Amino acid sequence: MNVLEFLLGNTQLSILLSALLIIVLGHVAGRLLKALMMLFSKKITKKTRSTLDDLIVGVLARSSVWLTTLIVGYWVLKGTAAAFVGESLLVQRTVTVIVEGTYIALVFYISVFVARLVDATVRWYLHEVATRTQTHLDDELAPLANRVLKVLIYLSALVVVLDHYGQNISTLVVSLGVGSLAVALAAQETLANMIAGFVLMIDRPFRLGDRIRLPDGTIGNVADIGIRSTRVIDDYHVMIITPNAEIVKSQIKNFSYPNDIVRFEVAFGVAYGTDLLAMRKVVLERINREHDIVEPETSEVRIMEMGDSSMNAVLLCKIRNPNDIPQRKSDLLLIIYNTLYEHEIEIPFPQRVVHLAPNLQKLVEERRRLSD
C-alpha cells in the first residue's frame, strides 16, 4: 500500500494521482537533463573542432524535456489503464483515448526529433564540408536530400501508428502505388522536368552564374537551377524560365566553361580597293592595347566575304568575363570605326551599280534627244 492509497483510501484515485506525480517527476527530470547537457556540452564540444557535436547536443537539449515527459507518461498511463478495466464504458474509453493519444504524440515527437537531427547534420555538412569542395553539386543536393528524408521520417511515423492500430499496411501500400501511377500519368511533363532537374544537377552542363545560350537562342546568366525549371536572366534583366526537359534534350552553349575566357567577334566592313593587310595591322594594333584583351597574340581580323557594297571582315578577340560581351562589342566597334577614320580607310555606304541593256539605253538617249 503506497502513501497516496493510505491517505486517500481509494485505490483508483491513488493510482491516478501516483501516475500524474510520476509524469510531473519525468518532466522535471527532463528539465534537469537539459540543464546538465547544456552545462557539460560546452566543456566537451570545445575540445573538438567540428560543430556537428554542438548541433546534435543542441537538438538533444531542445527535445529532452518533452521527449522524457512523453516516454514516462506513456509508460505510466499504459500501466495504470489496467486499474480501470472494471469501470463503466465511458471511463474505459476515456482512459484508452488518453493512452493512445499519448502514444501517437510520442511517435510523432520522436519523428520530429529525428528530423531535427537530420536537419542539423545537413546544416553542418553545408557549412563545414560543402564550402570546402570545388563542386556546387552538394550545395544543391543536400537541401533536397534533407526534405526527402524528412518526408520519409514522417511517413514512417504514420506507418508505425497505423500498424499499432492493426491497420493493413499492405493494402495501404497497394493503394498508394495505384494512386502514384495515376498521378504519374497525369503529371508526365512535371515528372519529366523533375528527372531532367536531377540530370542537370549530376551532369553539371552549367553552374550558377554561367553565361549560356538557351535552345531558343536567348543568352543570359544562370540565376537558379531548380527541380522543375532553370531560371536565366538575359541582358535586359528579364527572367527567362525554361523547363528542364527542354534543356536536357537540346544543345546548350556555355560561354563560361571550362573557364571564363571567351572569344567573340565584331563584324565590320571596308570599301573595295582598301589595302586589307594594312587595315588588319592597324586594327589589331589598336584593339590589343585594350586592358581587358586576353591573349592578344590570338586576336585576328578575318576577311569573310565580298559583300554587295564592301569587303566584310570580322574581329576575333578574347576577354575574361563573358558577361561583358554585349558592352565590349559596342566599345570595340566604336574603336574600329575611329581607327579606320584616323587612317583614312573608307567605310562604304550601301551602293549598287546598274547597267542598262543596249536597246534600253538607246531608247533613253532617244527620249532625251527629243526632250531637248
Protein backbone atom coordinates (compact mmCIF):
# COMPACT_ATOMS: atom_id res chain seq x y z
CA MET A 1 0.00 0.00 0.00
CA ASN A 2 1.51 3.32 -1.07
CA VAL A 3 1.23 6.61 0.78
CA LEU A 4 -1.46 8.04 -1.52
CA GLU A 5 -3.61 4.99 -1.17
CA PHE A 6 -3.23 5.17 2.63
CA LEU A 7 -4.14 8.86 2.74
CA LEU A 8 -6.96 8.85 0.19
CA GLY A 9 -8.45 5.48 0.91
CA ASN A 10 -9.33 4.99 -2.79
CA THR A 11 -7.15 2.65 -4.85
CA GLN A 12 -8.06 4.02 -8.29
CA LEU A 13 -7.71 7.64 -7.23
CA SER A 14 -4.38 6.96 -5.59
CA ILE A 15 -3.14 5.18 -8.74
CA LEU A 16 -4.23 8.12 -10.89
CA LEU A 17 -2.54 10.67 -8.64
CA SER A 18 0.57 8.49 -8.48
CA ALA A 19 0.66 8.40 -12.29
CA LEU A 20 0.32 12.17 -12.50
CA LEU A 21 3.07 12.58 -9.91
CA ILE A 22 5.42 10.30 -11.87
CA ILE A 23 4.67 12.23 -15.07
CA VAL A 24 5.48 15.52 -13.32
CA LEU A 25 8.69 13.98 -11.97
CA GLY A 26 9.52 12.82 -15.51
CA HIS A 27 9.02 16.38 -16.77
CA VAL A 28 11.29 17.70 -14.02
CA ALA A 29 13.87 15.03 -14.85
CA GLY A 30 13.75 16.16 -18.48
CA ARG A 31 14.46 19.73 -17.46
CA LEU A 32 17.35 18.60 -15.24
CA LEU A 33 18.71 16.54 -18.14
CA LYS A 34 18.51 19.58 -20.40
CA ALA A 35 20.33 21.74 -17.84
CA LEU A 36 23.07 19.12 -17.39
CA MET A 37 23.51 18.73 -21.14
CA MET A 38 23.81 22.50 -21.60
CA LEU A 39 26.28 22.68 -18.71
CA PHE A 40 28.63 19.90 -19.74
CA SER A 41 28.22 20.22 -23.53
CA LYS A 42 30.20 23.46 -23.63
CA LYS A 43 33.19 21.83 -21.95
CA ILE A 44 33.02 18.74 -24.17
CA THR A 45 32.34 20.41 -27.52
CA LYS A 46 35.13 22.95 -27.01
CA LYS A 47 37.65 20.12 -27.29
CA THR A 48 36.51 19.23 -30.81
CA ARG A 49 36.98 21.26 -33.97
CA SER A 50 33.76 20.13 -35.61
CA THR A 51 30.48 21.91 -34.94
CA LEU A 52 28.44 18.74 -35.53
CA ASP A 53 28.53 17.77 -31.85
CA ASP A 54 27.35 21.28 -30.89
CA LEU A 55 24.35 20.98 -33.22
CA ILE A 56 23.47 17.47 -32.01
CA VAL A 57 23.72 18.46 -28.36
CA GLY A 58 21.55 21.48 -29.10
CA VAL A 59 18.86 19.27 -30.67
CA LEU A 60 19.04 16.82 -27.75
CA ALA A 61 18.76 19.62 -25.20
CA ARG A 62 15.83 21.22 -27.00
CA SER A 63 13.92 17.95 -27.30
CA SER A 64 14.88 16.27 -24.00
CA VAL A 65 12.10 17.79 -21.86
CA TRP A 66 9.08 16.75 -23.92
CA LEU A 67 10.70 13.52 -25.09
CA THR A 68 11.29 12.42 -21.49
CA THR A 69 7.81 13.56 -20.42
CA LEU A 70 6.07 11.65 -23.22
CA ILE A 71 8.09 8.47 -22.70
CA VAL A 72 7.42 8.44 -18.94
CA GLY A 73 3.79 9.48 -19.49
CA TYR A 74 3.03 6.69 -21.95
CA TRP A 75 4.75 4.09 -19.76
CA VAL A 76 2.85 5.18 -16.65
CA LEU A 77 -0.55 5.62 -18.34
CA LYS A 78 -0.31 2.26 -20.05
CA GLY A 79 0.41 0.64 -16.67
CA THR A 80 -2.42 2.39 -14.87
CA ALA A 81 -5.02 1.63 -17.58
CA ALA A 82 -5.46 -1.90 -16.16
CA ALA A 83 -6.88 -0.43 -12.93
CA PHE A 84 -9.94 0.91 -14.81
CA VAL A 85 -10.93 -2.30 -16.59
CA GLY A 86 -13.96 -2.90 -14.42
CA GLU A 87 -15.29 0.63 -14.66
CA SER A 88 -18.02 1.95 -16.92
CA LEU A 89 -17.65 2.00 -20.70
CA LEU A 90 -17.27 5.79 -20.74
CA VAL A 91 -14.40 5.68 -18.22
CA GLN A 92 -12.65 2.89 -20.09
CA ARG A 93 -12.92 4.71 -23.42
CA THR A 94 -11.66 7.94 -21.86
CA VAL A 95 -8.62 6.14 -20.43
CA THR A 96 -8.00 4.41 -23.75
CA VAL A 97 -8.20 7.70 -25.67
CA ILE A 98 -5.70 9.30 -23.26
CA VAL A 99 -3.26 6.38 -23.52
CA GLU A 100 -3.48 6.08 -27.30
CA GLY A 101 -3.29 9.86 -27.73
CA THR A 102 -0.10 9.84 -25.66
CA TYR A 103 1.27 7.06 -27.88
CA ILE A 104 0.54 8.99 -31.07
CA ALA A 105 2.11 12.15 -29.61
CA LEU A 106 5.19 10.14 -28.57
CA VAL A 107 5.64 8.56 -32.02
CA PHE A 108 5.32 11.83 -33.90
CA TYR A 109 7.52 13.72 -31.44
CA ILE A 110 10.20 11.06 -31.94
CA SER A 111 9.86 11.62 -35.70
CA VAL A 112 10.23 15.38 -35.12
CA PHE A 113 13.32 14.69 -33.00
CA VAL A 114 14.88 12.52 -35.73
CA ALA A 115 14.01 15.14 -38.38
CA ARG A 116 15.77 17.78 -36.28
CA LEU A 117 18.87 15.56 -36.10
CA VAL A 118 18.84 15.13 -39.89
CA ASP A 119 18.40 18.88 -40.39
CA ALA A 120 21.29 19.62 -38.01
CA THR A 121 23.51 17.14 -39.85
CA VAL A 122 22.67 18.67 -43.25
CA ARG A 123 23.33 22.20 -41.95
CA TRP A 124 26.68 21.05 -40.58
CA TYR A 125 27.54 19.47 -43.92
CA LEU A 126 26.66 22.62 -45.86
CA HIS A 127 28.72 24.89 -43.59
CA GLU A 128 31.69 22.62 -42.83
CA VAL A 129 32.09 20.28 -45.81
CA ALA A 130 30.29 21.70 -48.85
CA THR A 131 32.08 25.05 -48.58
CA ARG A 132 35.45 23.29 -48.99
CA THR A 133 34.52 21.26 -52.06
CA GLN A 134 35.11 22.53 -55.58
CA THR A 135 31.74 21.38 -56.91
CA HIS A 136 28.40 23.02 -56.14
CA LEU A 137 26.51 19.76 -56.56
CA ASP A 138 26.45 19.00 -52.83
CA ASP A 139 25.21 22.54 -52.08
CA GLU A 140 22.13 21.90 -54.22
CA LEU A 141 21.50 18.22 -53.45
CA ALA A 142 21.89 18.47 -49.65
CA PRO A 143 18.73 20.60 -49.09
CA LEU A 144 16.80 18.31 -51.43
CA ALA A 145 18.01 15.22 -49.56
CA ASN A 146 17.04 16.93 -46.30
CA ARG A 147 13.45 17.45 -47.47
CA VAL A 148 13.17 13.89 -48.85
CA LEU A 149 14.46 12.37 -45.61
CA LYS A 150 12.01 14.43 -43.55
CA VAL A 151 9.10 13.21 -45.67
CA LEU A 152 10.26 9.60 -45.26
CA ILE A 153 10.59 10.05 -41.48
CA TYR A 154 7.05 11.37 -41.13
CA LEU A 155 5.66 8.66 -43.43
CA SER A 156 7.43 6.05 -41.29
CA ALA A 157 5.80 7.51 -38.19
CA LEU A 158 2.42 7.29 -39.89
CA VAL A 159 3.04 3.64 -40.83
CA VAL A 160 4.05 2.83 -37.22
CA VAL A 161 0.85 4.39 -35.88
CA LEU A 162 -1.34 2.56 -38.40
CA ASP A 163 0.40 -0.73 -37.65
CA HIS A 164 -0.14 -0.15 -33.91
CA TYR A 165 -3.91 0.02 -34.51
CA GLY A 166 -3.92 -3.13 -36.64
CA GLN A 167 -4.42 -1.47 -40.00
CA ASN A 168 -3.44 -3.49 -43.07
CA ILE A 169 -0.37 -1.63 -44.31
CA SER A 170 -0.02 -3.77 -47.45
CA THR A 171 -3.43 -2.58 -48.63
CA LEU A 172 -2.36 0.99 -47.99
CA VAL A 173 0.87 0.44 -49.95
CA VAL A 174 -1.07 -1.02 -52.90
CA SER A 175 -3.48 1.90 -52.81
CA LEU A 176 -0.58 4.34 -52.74
CA GLY A 177 1.02 2.51 -55.68
CA VAL A 178 -2.15 2.76 -57.78
CA GLY A 179 -2.56 6.41 -56.79
CA SER A 180 1.08 7.11 -57.65
CA LEU A 181 0.59 5.55 -61.10
CA ALA A 182 -2.45 7.74 -61.72
CA VAL A 183 -0.57 10.83 -60.58
CA ALA A 184 2.43 9.89 -62.75
CA LEU A 185 0.24 9.56 -65.84
CA ALA A 186 -1.46 12.87 -65.12
CA ALA A 187 1.79 14.71 -64.48
CA GLN A 188 4.11 13.30 -67.13
CA GLU A 189 5.58 16.66 -68.09
CA THR A 190 6.18 17.66 -64.47
CA LEU A 191 7.91 14.35 -63.70
CA ALA A 192 9.98 14.66 -66.89
CA ASN A 193 11.11 18.12 -65.80
CA MET A 194 11.94 16.83 -62.30
CA ILE A 195 14.01 13.95 -63.67
CA ALA A 196 15.73 16.39 -66.02
CA GLY A 197 16.46 18.59 -62.99
CA PHE A 198 18.28 15.71 -61.31
CA VAL A 199 20.21 15.08 -64.53
CA LEU A 200 21.30 18.74 -64.67
CA MET A 201 22.46 18.63 -61.05
CA ILE A 202 24.50 15.47 -61.63
CA ASP A 203 25.82 16.15 -65.15
CA ARG A 204 26.57 19.84 -64.44
CA PRO A 205 26.49 21.26 -68.01
CA PHE A 206 26.40 24.71 -66.40
CA ARG A 207 26.63 26.27 -62.94
CA LEU A 208 25.06 29.22 -61.19
CA GLY A 209 26.33 32.45 -62.74
CA ASP A 210 27.42 30.82 -66.02
CA ARG A 211 26.57 32.60 -69.24
CA ILE A 212 24.71 30.25 -71.58
CA ARG A 213 22.70 30.22 -74.78
CA LEU A 214 19.29 28.54 -74.41
CA PRO A 215 17.74 26.34 -77.12
CA ASP A 216 15.64 29.29 -78.38
CA GLY A 217 18.76 31.45 -78.81
CA THR A 218 18.37 33.52 -75.64
CA ILE A 219 21.68 34.42 -73.98
CA GLY A 220 21.86 35.13 -70.27
CA ASN A 221 23.26 34.21 -66.88
CA VAL A 222 22.04 31.21 -64.89
CA ALA A 223 20.25 32.51 -61.78
CA ASP A 224 18.78 29.28 -60.41
CA ILE A 225 18.74 25.56 -61.24
CA GLY A 226 15.53 24.17 -59.79
CA ILE A 227 13.92 20.76 -59.79
CA ARG A 228 11.32 21.71 -62.42
CA SER A 229 12.88 24.63 -64.30
CA THR A 230 16.03 26.68 -64.79
CA ARG A 231 15.96 30.48 -64.46
CA VAL A 232 18.17 32.64 -66.67
CA ILE A 233 18.48 36.45 -66.58
CA ASP A 234 19.15 37.93 -70.01
CA ASP A 235 20.96 41.18 -70.89
CA TYR A 236 17.73 43.15 -70.44
CA HIS A 237 17.37 41.86 -66.85
CA VAL A 238 14.37 39.76 -67.82
CA MET A 239 13.91 36.42 -66.07
CA ILE A 240 13.64 33.55 -68.57
CA ILE A 241 12.14 30.37 -67.04
CA THR A 242 12.79 27.27 -69.14
CA PRO A 243 11.57 23.72 -68.29
CA ASN A 244 14.48 21.40 -67.54
CA ALA A 245 13.28 18.78 -70.01
CA GLU A 246 13.79 21.19 -72.93
CA ILE A 247 17.32 21.99 -71.75
CA VAL A 248 18.36 18.35 -71.29
CA LYS A 249 17.30 17.28 -74.80
CA SER A 250 18.75 20.36 -76.55
CA GLN A 251 22.18 21.77 -77.27
CA ILE A 252 23.33 24.33 -74.70
CA LYS A 253 26.21 26.69 -75.38
CA ASN A 254 28.13 27.55 -72.19
CA PHE A 255 30.36 30.61 -72.54
CA SER A 256 31.80 30.23 -69.03
CA TYR A 257 33.01 26.62 -69.25
CA PRO A 258 35.71 25.35 -68.81
CA ASN A 259 36.93 28.83 -67.82
CA ASP A 260 35.71 32.40 -68.02
CA ILE A 261 37.91 33.36 -71.00
CA VAL A 262 35.66 33.69 -74.04
CA ARG A 263 36.28 34.62 -77.67
CA PHE A 264 33.77 36.70 -79.55
CA GLU A 265 33.55 38.54 -82.86
CA VAL A 266 32.84 42.07 -84.03
CA ALA A 267 31.75 42.42 -87.66
CA PHE A 268 32.58 45.45 -89.84
CA GLY A 269 33.24 46.31 -93.48
CA VAL A 270 35.64 48.40 -95.61
CA ALA A 271 35.45 49.70 -99.15
CA TYR A 272 36.66 47.83 -102.19
CA GLY A 273 40.18 48.87 -103.10
CA THR A 274 41.32 49.06 -99.46
CA ASP A 275 44.76 47.69 -98.59
CA LEU A 276 43.43 44.82 -96.48
CA LEU A 277 46.81 43.85 -95.00
CA ALA A 278 47.40 47.40 -93.77
CA MET A 279 43.84 47.59 -92.44
CA ARG A 280 44.27 44.36 -90.46
CA LYS A 281 47.53 45.61 -88.99
CA VAL A 282 46.22 48.97 -87.73
CA VAL A 283 43.01 47.45 -86.32
CA LEU A 284 44.86 44.72 -84.41
CA GLU A 285 47.44 47.13 -83.03
CA ARG A 286 44.71 49.37 -81.67
CA ILE A 287 42.50 46.59 -80.29
CA ASN A 288 45.32 44.79 -78.49
CA ARG A 289 46.05 47.93 -76.48
CA GLU A 290 42.75 47.49 -74.61
CA HIS A 291 43.33 46.48 -70.98
CA ASP A 292 40.84 43.60 -70.92
CA ILE A 293 42.02 41.82 -74.07
CA VAL A 294 43.33 38.38 -73.03
CA GLU A 295 45.99 36.56 -75.07
CA PRO A 296 46.40 39.38 -77.62
CA GLU A 297 48.56 37.15 -79.83
CA THR A 298 45.41 35.19 -80.68
CA SER A 299 43.47 38.25 -81.83
CA GLU A 300 42.89 38.36 -85.56
CA VAL A 301 40.94 40.08 -88.32
CA ARG A 302 39.43 37.71 -90.83
CA ILE A 303 38.15 38.71 -94.28
CA MET A 304 34.86 36.88 -94.51
CA GLU A 305 33.31 37.71 -97.90
CA MET A 306 32.95 40.11 -100.79
CA GLY A 307 29.67 41.80 -99.94
CA ASP A 308 27.39 43.84 -102.19
CA SER A 309 28.93 47.12 -101.05
CA SER A 310 32.03 46.23 -99.01
CA MET A 311 34.68 43.74 -98.08
CA ASN A 312 33.18 42.21 -94.95
CA ALA A 313 35.56 41.43 -92.11
CA VAL A 314 35.28 40.25 -88.51
CA LEU A 315 37.46 40.93 -85.48
CA LEU A 316 38.08 37.93 -83.19
CA CYS A 317 39.44 38.60 -79.71
CA LYS A 318 39.26 37.24 -76.15
CA ILE A 319 38.14 38.77 -72.87
CA ARG A 320 37.92 37.22 -69.42
CA ASN A 321 34.32 37.88 -68.43
CA PRO A 322 31.57 36.59 -70.75
CA ASN A 323 29.10 38.97 -69.15
CA ASP A 324 30.99 41.91 -70.68
CA ILE A 325 30.47 40.74 -74.28
CA PRO A 326 27.47 42.98 -75.17
CA GLN A 327 29.13 46.15 -73.86
CA ARG A 328 32.55 45.30 -75.24
CA LYS A 329 31.11 44.60 -78.69
CA SER A 330 29.74 48.14 -78.75
CA ASP A 331 33.00 49.62 -77.42
CA LEU A 332 35.24 47.75 -79.86
CA LEU A 333 33.03 48.61 -82.83
CA LEU A 334 33.40 52.29 -81.92
CA ILE A 335 37.19 51.85 -81.61
CA ILE A 336 37.34 50.16 -85.03
CA TYR A 337 35.32 52.98 -86.58
CA ASN A 338 37.60 55.67 -85.12
CA THR A 339 40.73 53.73 -86.14
CA LEU A 340 39.57 53.38 -89.74
CA TYR A 341 38.61 57.06 -89.81
CA GLU A 342 42.01 58.15 -88.46
CA HIS A 343 43.87 56.12 -91.10
CA GLU A 344 41.54 57.33 -93.88
CA ILE A 345 40.27 53.84 -94.61
CA GLU A 346 36.90 54.20 -96.31
CA ILE A 347 33.81 52.71 -94.74
CA PRO A 348 31.37 52.46 -97.68
CA PHE A 349 27.69 53.24 -97.81
CA PRO A 350 25.44 50.59 -99.34
CA GLN A 351 25.52 51.09 -103.13
CA ARG A 352 24.54 49.35 -106.33
CA VAL A 353 25.94 49.61 -109.89
CA VAL A 354 23.14 49.40 -112.51
CA HIS A 355 23.95 48.53 -116.17
CA LEU A 356 21.29 49.27 -118.79
CA ALA A 357 20.69 46.89 -121.71
CA PRO A 358 21.82 48.27 -125.14
CA ASN A 359 18.26 48.65 -126.54
CA LEU A 360 17.02 50.27 -123.37
CA GLN A 361 20.00 52.62 -123.38
CA LYS A 362 19.25 53.72 -126.97
CA LEU A 363 15.62 54.34 -126.02
CA VAL A 364 16.66 56.50 -123.10
CA GLU A 365 19.04 58.53 -125.28
CA GLU A 366 16.36 58.99 -127.99
CA ARG A 367 13.85 60.32 -125.46
CA ARG A 368 16.47 62.65 -124.04
CA ARG A 369 17.24 63.99 -127.56
CA LEU A 370 13.56 64.55 -128.29
CA SER A 371 13.02 66.36 -125.00
CA ASP A 372 15.91 68.68 -125.78
